[in-house]
Amino acid sequence: MAKPVDPAKRTEEEEGMRSLRWSIAMNRRLALIAGTALLAGSALAQDVPEATLPRVEKPLPPAPDKTPRATVMLADYRYDDLLWENDRTAHRIYGRALEAAEPPSGSGIDSWGKNVAWPFMDRQLRSGDQHAYHGEGQDFYNVGTGRGAGGLGIWQDNKLWTSRNFRAYRILKNGPDVADFEVDYAPWPVDVTRKVWETRRFTLPLGTQFTRLVSTIRSDKPGPLIVGIGIGKRTTGEGGDLTVDREHGVLSYWGPNDPHHGRMAIALRVDPAMIAEVKNDADNYLVLLKVTPGKPFVYYSGSAWSLGQGGFRKREDWDRYAAAAPVDFAVLAH
C-alpha cells in the first residue's frame, strides 16, 4: 500500500515544479528575444560607413576576453553604480551612495557609447576618466535629474514625481547570452496624496540595442496611476530630433551632433494600448501610460552611439531599427 504524502512536502514539491516551469518558460523567451534581435541586427550590419572615432586619450588595459558577452555587475568601488552591457550597447543606473557624493543624483538611466563587442564598462570606469575615449567607448551622456534613456516617474498635477536611486538589487543572470537583474526603489511621494514604490526587472540579451524592462509599481492607496517614461532632452547638448509613432508605441530620439563625440540615439517602445498621452516637461520627452498599482507592465529602452556598435550613422537608420525591433509586452506569471 502506498504511503501517505505529507501535505507540507506536497506543497514544497508543487512550488518547486511551478518555479521550474517558470524558469523554463523564461529561458525560452530570452532565447527567442536574443535570436530575433540578432536577425534584426544582422541586416543593419551590412554596408555600414566607417566612423571617424575620437582621438584615444590613453588606451584601456587589454580585455581579458574579447568574446561578445552580455554582462551585469555592481561597481561597489564607484558608489554602487550598476552596470550592464552587451555586444552593442551599455548602460548604468546609480546606487544610494552617490546621492551624498554627487548631489543631486537621480534615478534616470545612463547610456554609454561603445565600439567593441566585448565588455568594457568596468575597465572604463576604473580608468579614472570615464568620460574620455580610451579606444573602446565612452560616457558623454549626462543624465542629471532627468529620465535619461527610459527612466520613469508618476505623472500628477502636470508634474513628474520621481524616486531616488535604487535601494536593493538582485542579479538573476550574468551572461554570457543575457544580462538579467532586478532593482527596488524605496517609497517616494506623489504630491501629498500618496506614496508609491517600485520593483523593476532589466533584461538585455546579445544582439540588440534594447533592454526589456518589467516594472511593478505599488501604492499605499488604491486607484490607477499615470506613469511617465522619459527620454532626457539635453543629455548631450541642445537640439536633437524626436520621432513619435503613437499608434505603434514608438518614441525615437536622434541626439544633437557633438564634434568630438558624435551622437547618442535613444528609443522607447511601449504597449500602444496603455498610452494616455505623449508630452514634454522641462527635462524630458515623455510617454504617459495608464498603470494599475501592483500589476507589472513591460516597456523597452534602446540606445546607440552614432560612432559605435550597430552602425547607426543616420537618423533614418535609427528610426527604422527602433520601429522594427521585436517586442513582447506579455508578462510571465511567476
Protein backbone atom coordinates (compact mmCIF):
# COMPACT_ATOMS: atom_id res chain seq x y z
CA MET A 1 0.00 0.00 0.00
CA ALA A 2 1.32 3.46 -0.91
CA LYS A 3 2.47 5.66 1.95
CA PRO A 4 0.50 8.87 2.56
CA VAL A 5 2.26 12.03 1.37
CA ASP A 6 2.94 14.74 3.91
CA PRO A 7 0.88 17.82 2.80
CA ALA A 8 3.80 20.14 3.58
CA LYS A 9 6.09 18.07 1.37
CA ARG A 10 3.50 18.05 -1.43
CA THR A 11 3.29 21.86 -1.21
CA GLU A 12 7.08 22.18 -1.45
CA GLU A 13 7.18 19.84 -4.45
CA GLU A 14 4.35 21.70 -6.20
CA GLU A 15 6.07 25.03 -5.58
CA GLY A 16 9.31 23.58 -6.91
CA MET A 17 7.57 22.40 -10.08
CA ARG A 18 5.95 25.83 -10.56
CA SER A 19 9.32 27.51 -10.22
CA LEU A 20 10.89 25.05 -12.65
CA ARG A 21 8.13 25.62 -15.23
CA TRP A 22 8.50 29.39 -14.87
CA SER A 23 12.29 29.15 -15.27
CA ILE A 24 11.97 27.02 -18.41
CA ALA A 25 9.43 29.44 -19.91
CA MET A 26 11.64 32.44 -19.14
CA ASN A 27 14.73 30.80 -20.67
CA ARG A 28 12.75 30.02 -23.82
CA ARG A 29 11.55 33.63 -24.01
CA LEU A 30 15.06 35.01 -23.54
CA ALA A 31 16.37 32.68 -26.26
CA LEU A 32 13.61 33.86 -28.63
CA ILE A 33 14.31 37.54 -27.88
CA ALA A 34 18.05 37.08 -28.42
CA GLY A 35 17.54 35.14 -31.66
CA THR A 36 15.14 37.63 -33.23
CA ALA A 37 17.33 40.55 -32.14
CA LEU A 38 20.39 39.00 -33.78
CA LEU A 39 18.44 38.53 -37.01
CA ALA A 40 17.20 42.13 -36.91
CA GLY A 41 20.68 43.46 -36.25
CA SER A 42 22.41 41.44 -38.98
CA ALA A 43 20.60 43.33 -41.75
CA LEU A 44 21.84 46.65 -40.43
CA ALA A 45 25.43 45.39 -40.19
CA GLN A 46 25.76 45.41 -43.99
CA ASP A 47 27.26 48.35 -45.88
CA VAL A 48 27.83 50.49 -42.78
CA PRO A 49 30.06 53.51 -43.48
CA GLU A 50 33.22 53.79 -41.41
CA ALA A 51 33.01 56.04 -38.34
CA THR A 52 35.68 58.61 -37.53
CA LEU A 53 36.36 57.84 -33.89
CA PRO A 54 37.68 60.35 -31.34
CA ARG A 55 41.38 60.51 -30.53
CA VAL A 56 42.39 57.89 -27.97
CA GLU A 57 43.42 59.63 -24.74
CA LYS A 58 45.03 56.61 -23.08
CA PRO A 59 44.24 53.01 -24.06
CA LEU A 60 42.39 50.86 -21.56
CA PRO A 61 44.09 47.76 -20.18
CA PRO A 62 43.53 44.90 -22.63
CA ALA A 63 40.26 42.99 -22.25
CA PRO A 64 40.92 39.57 -20.66
CA ASP A 65 38.49 38.01 -23.15
CA LYS A 66 37.26 39.52 -26.41
CA THR A 67 34.29 37.19 -26.77
CA PRO A 68 30.99 39.08 -27.20
CA ARG A 69 29.08 38.84 -23.94
CA ALA A 70 26.11 40.29 -22.09
CA THR A 71 27.04 41.16 -18.52
CA VAL A 72 25.83 42.96 -15.41
CA MET A 73 27.84 43.95 -12.32
CA LEU A 74 27.81 46.18 -9.28
CA ALA A 75 30.64 48.74 -9.27
CA ASP A 76 30.97 48.88 -5.49
CA TYR A 77 34.19 50.86 -5.91
CA ARG A 78 32.21 53.72 -7.55
CA TYR A 79 29.26 54.46 -5.22
CA ASP A 80 27.43 51.24 -6.16
CA ASP A 81 26.83 52.02 -9.82
CA LEU A 82 25.04 49.13 -11.50
CA LEU A 83 26.46 48.47 -14.98
CA TRP A 84 25.04 46.33 -17.77
CA GLU A 85 26.06 45.91 -21.41
CA ASN A 86 26.01 43.55 -24.34
CA ASP A 87 27.84 43.48 -27.67
CA ARG A 88 26.09 46.68 -28.86
CA THR A 89 25.07 48.98 -26.04
CA ALA A 90 25.94 49.88 -22.44
CA HIS A 91 24.03 51.38 -19.51
CA ARG A 92 24.25 52.38 -15.87
CA ILE A 93 21.94 53.25 -13.00
CA TYR A 94 23.02 54.84 -9.76
CA GLY A 95 23.16 53.49 -6.22
CA ARG A 96 22.23 55.17 -2.98
CA ALA A 97 25.83 56.08 -2.08
CA LEU A 98 26.00 58.52 -5.00
CA GLU A 99 23.20 60.67 -3.55
CA ALA A 100 25.58 62.04 -0.90
CA ALA A 101 28.73 62.03 -3.05
CA GLU A 102 27.34 63.80 -6.14
CA PRO A 103 24.03 65.51 -5.40
CA PRO A 104 21.58 65.84 -6.98
CA SER A 105 21.75 62.25 -8.19
CA GLY A 106 18.64 60.70 -9.68
CA SER A 107 17.04 57.50 -10.91
CA GLY A 108 17.37 58.16 -14.64
CA ILE A 109 19.13 55.65 -16.90
CA ASP A 110 22.62 56.42 -18.19
CA SER A 111 23.74 55.31 -21.65
CA TRP A 112 27.31 54.85 -22.88
CA GLY A 113 28.63 54.55 -26.41
CA LYS A 114 30.75 51.52 -27.27
CA ASN A 115 32.57 50.43 -30.40
CA VAL A 116 33.68 46.93 -29.36
CA ALA A 117 31.63 43.75 -28.96
CA TRP A 118 33.21 42.66 -25.65
CA PRO A 119 32.59 44.21 -22.19
CA PHE A 120 34.40 47.46 -21.47
CA MET A 121 32.42 49.38 -18.83
CA ASP A 122 34.28 48.13 -15.76
CA ARG A 123 37.70 48.94 -17.23
CA GLN A 124 36.41 52.31 -18.49
CA LEU A 125 35.04 53.22 -15.07
CA ARG A 126 38.28 52.19 -13.34
CA SER A 127 40.36 54.31 -15.74
CA GLY A 128 39.90 57.42 -13.62
CA ASP A 129 38.44 59.31 -16.59
CA GLN A 130 35.29 57.53 -17.74
CA HIS A 131 34.24 60.48 -19.92
CA ALA A 132 37.31 60.29 -22.18
CA TYR A 133 37.67 57.99 -25.16
CA HIS A 134 40.15 55.21 -24.41
CA GLY A 135 39.59 53.18 -27.56
CA GLU A 136 36.52 51.06 -26.75
CA GLY A 137 33.74 53.53 -25.93
CA GLN A 138 32.91 56.47 -23.72
CA ASP A 139 30.40 58.10 -21.40
CA PHE A 140 29.38 61.54 -22.65
CA TYR A 141 25.68 61.22 -21.77
CA ASN A 142 24.64 63.50 -18.91
CA VAL A 143 21.53 62.12 -17.17
CA GLY A 144 21.32 64.78 -14.44
CA THR A 145 17.93 64.72 -12.72
CA GLY A 146 16.09 63.84 -15.94
CA ARG A 147 14.96 60.38 -17.01
CA GLY A 148 17.85 59.75 -19.39
CA ALA A 149 17.30 56.65 -21.51
CA GLY A 150 13.98 55.36 -20.21
CA GLY A 151 13.72 56.22 -16.54
CA LEU A 152 10.24 56.79 -15.19
CA GLY A 153 8.10 58.63 -12.64
CA ILE A 154 4.47 59.24 -11.69
CA TRP A 155 2.68 62.00 -13.59
CA GLN A 156 0.28 64.02 -11.44
CA ASP A 157 -0.80 67.66 -11.44
CA ASN A 158 1.27 68.32 -14.56
CA LYS A 159 4.48 67.20 -12.83
CA LEU A 160 6.67 64.09 -12.87
CA TRP A 161 7.28 62.69 -9.37
CA THR A 162 10.40 60.53 -9.36
CA SER A 163 12.20 58.17 -6.98
CA ARG A 164 15.71 58.48 -5.60
CA ASN A 165 18.41 55.98 -6.56
CA PHE A 166 17.84 52.24 -6.28
CA ARG A 167 17.99 50.70 -2.78
CA ALA A 168 18.49 46.98 -3.49
CA TYR A 169 19.49 44.81 -6.44
CA ARG A 170 19.43 41.13 -7.42
CA ILE A 171 21.50 39.77 -10.32
CA LEU A 172 19.48 36.95 -11.90
CA LYS A 173 21.84 36.06 -14.74
CA ASN A 174 25.25 37.49 -15.58
CA GLY A 175 25.75 36.38 -19.18
CA PRO A 176 27.06 35.13 -21.37
CA ASP A 177 23.91 35.33 -23.51
CA VAL A 178 21.85 37.73 -21.38
CA ALA A 179 22.22 40.27 -18.56
CA ASP A 180 19.20 39.95 -16.26
CA PHE A 181 18.64 41.69 -12.92
CA GLU A 182 16.10 43.42 -10.65
CA VAL A 183 16.24 46.58 -8.55
CA ASP A 184 13.99 48.06 -5.88
CA TYR A 185 13.15 51.74 -5.48
CA ALA A 186 12.12 52.84 -1.98
CA PRO A 187 8.76 54.60 -1.47
CA TRP A 188 8.58 58.14 -2.81
CA PRO A 189 5.86 60.78 -2.53
CA VAL A 190 3.40 61.69 -5.27
CA ASP A 191 2.43 65.20 -4.20
CA VAL A 192 0.94 64.85 -0.70
CA THR A 193 -1.77 62.38 -1.69
CA ARG A 194 0.02 59.02 -1.86
CA LYS A 195 3.28 57.10 -1.86
CA VAL A 196 4.49 54.58 -4.41
CA TRP A 197 7.40 52.14 -4.65
CA GLU A 198 8.76 50.04 -7.49
CA THR A 199 10.50 46.81 -8.43
CA ARG A 200 11.93 46.79 -11.94
CA ARG A 201 13.49 43.97 -13.93
CA PHE A 202 16.05 44.66 -16.68
CA THR A 203 16.84 42.08 -19.39
CA LEU A 204 19.44 42.71 -22.10
CA PRO A 205 20.30 39.81 -24.45
CA LEU A 206 23.08 39.76 -27.01
CA GLY A 207 22.50 41.25 -30.42
CA THR A 208 20.07 44.08 -29.66
CA GLN A 209 20.13 47.76 -28.73
CA PHE A 210 17.07 47.28 -26.48
CA THR A 211 16.76 46.42 -22.80
CA ARG A 212 13.40 44.90 -21.82
CA LEU A 213 12.05 46.34 -18.56
CA VAL A 214 9.26 44.93 -16.40
CA SER A 215 8.04 47.46 -13.84
CA THR A 216 5.76 46.75 -10.89
CA ILE A 217 4.68 49.90 -9.05
CA ARG A 218 2.77 49.58 -5.80
CA SER A 219 0.91 52.27 -3.87
CA ASP A 220 -0.34 52.94 -0.35
CA LYS A 221 -3.69 53.97 -1.86
CA PRO A 222 -5.91 52.32 -4.49
CA GLY A 223 -6.66 53.79 -7.87
CA PRO A 224 -4.87 53.93 -11.23
CA LEU A 225 -1.60 55.71 -11.85
CA ILE A 226 -0.24 57.63 -14.83
CA VAL A 227 3.40 56.62 -15.33
CA GLY A 228 5.67 58.85 -17.39
CA ILE A 229 8.60 57.17 -19.15
CA GLY A 230 11.12 59.63 -20.47
CA ILE A 231 13.97 60.48 -22.79
CA GLY A 232 16.19 63.26 -21.46
CA LYS A 233 16.16 66.43 -23.57
CA ARG A 234 19.64 67.90 -23.05
CA THR A 235 21.77 64.89 -22.15
CA THR A 236 24.35 65.60 -24.87
CA GLY A 237 23.56 69.24 -25.64
CA GLU A 238 20.77 71.32 -27.09
CA GLY A 239 18.78 70.11 -30.05
CA GLY A 240 18.14 66.68 -31.48
CA ASP A 241 15.16 65.21 -33.35
CA LEU A 242 12.25 63.27 -31.87
CA THR A 243 10.07 60.88 -33.89
CA VAL A 244 6.76 59.82 -32.34
CA ASP A 245 4.60 56.97 -33.62
CA ARG A 246 1.82 56.72 -31.03
CA GLU A 247 -0.09 54.10 -32.99
CA HIS A 248 2.79 51.65 -32.62
CA GLY A 249 4.11 52.90 -29.27
CA VAL A 250 7.46 54.24 -30.51
CA LEU A 251 9.45 57.29 -29.39
CA SER A 252 12.77 57.59 -31.22
CA TYR A 253 15.32 60.32 -30.48
CA TRP A 254 18.37 61.23 -32.59
CA GLY A 255 20.55 63.41 -30.40
CA PRO A 256 22.50 66.52 -31.44
CA ASN A 257 25.92 66.09 -33.01
CA ASP A 258 28.93 66.78 -30.84
CA PRO A 259 32.01 67.43 -33.00
CA HIS A 260 34.19 65.48 -30.55
CA HIS A 261 31.83 62.67 -29.51
CA GLY A 262 29.19 62.11 -32.21
CA ARG A 263 25.55 61.49 -31.27
CA MET A 264 23.58 59.34 -28.86
CA ALA A 265 20.32 57.82 -30.11
CA ILE A 266 17.59 56.74 -27.66
CA ALA A 267 14.28 54.97 -28.25
CA LEU A 268 11.33 53.76 -26.20
CA ARG A 269 8.86 51.04 -27.11
CA VAL A 270 5.62 50.77 -25.11
CA ASP A 271 2.31 48.94 -25.43
CA PRO A 272 0.16 51.32 -27.53
CA ALA A 273 -2.97 50.23 -25.66
CA MET A 274 -1.56 51.71 -22.43
CA ILE A 275 -0.77 55.18 -23.79
CA ALA A 276 -2.66 58.06 -22.21
CA GLU A 277 -0.69 60.91 -23.80
CA VAL A 278 2.65 61.90 -25.29
CA LYS A 279 4.02 65.20 -24.00
CA ASN A 280 7.08 67.07 -22.69
CA ASP A 281 8.16 68.54 -19.40
CA ALA A 282 11.14 70.84 -18.84
CA ASP A 283 13.68 68.00 -18.88
CA ASN A 284 12.14 65.09 -20.78
CA TYR A 285 10.17 63.83 -23.74
CA LEU A 286 7.50 61.68 -22.08
CA VAL A 287 5.10 58.93 -22.97
CA LEU A 288 2.37 58.63 -20.32
CA LEU A 289 0.93 55.19 -19.58
CA LYS A 290 -2.19 54.10 -17.68
CA VAL A 291 -0.98 51.68 -14.99
CA THR A 292 -2.71 49.64 -12.29
CA PRO A 293 -0.78 49.52 -8.98
CA GLY A 294 0.66 46.07 -8.31
CA LYS A 295 0.23 44.93 -11.93
CA PRO A 296 3.53 44.50 -13.86
CA PHE A 297 3.92 46.18 -17.24
CA VAL A 298 6.59 45.94 -19.91
CA TYR A 299 8.45 48.57 -21.88
CA TYR A 300 11.72 48.72 -23.82
CA SER A 301 14.57 51.21 -23.74
CA GLY A 302 17.13 51.27 -26.54
CA SER A 303 20.24 53.30 -27.27
CA ALA A 304 23.08 53.54 -29.77
CA TRP A 305 26.19 55.63 -30.38
CA SER A 306 26.49 57.08 -33.88
CA LEU A 307 30.20 56.13 -33.93
CA GLY A 308 29.78 52.73 -32.34
CA GLN A 309 28.27 49.27 -32.49
CA GLY A 310 25.19 48.80 -34.63
CA GLY A 311 26.26 51.08 -37.46
CA PHE A 312 23.65 53.80 -36.92
CA ARG A 313 25.15 56.76 -38.79
CA LYS A 314 21.88 58.43 -39.84
CA ARG A 315 18.63 59.33 -38.12
CA GLU A 316 16.61 57.33 -40.65
CA ASP A 317 18.54 54.15 -39.82
CA TRP A 318 17.88 54.54 -36.10
CA ASP A 319 14.20 55.35 -36.56
CA ARG A 320 13.77 52.32 -38.83
CA TYR A 321 15.51 50.00 -36.39
CA ALA A 322 13.61 51.31 -33.36
CA ALA A 323 10.27 50.77 -35.09
CA ALA A 324 11.13 47.26 -36.33
CA ALA A 325 12.82 45.83 -33.21
CA PRO A 326 10.94 42.79 -31.84
CA VAL A 327 8.95 43.43 -28.66
CA ASP A 328 6.90 41.27 -26.31
CA PHE A 329 4.63 43.08 -23.83
CA ALA A 330 3.27 39.92 -22.18
CA VAL A 331 4.26 39.35 -18.53
CA LEU A 332 5.04 35.82 -17.39
CA ALA A 333 3.34 34.80 -14.14
CA HIS A 334 5.91 33.72 -11.55
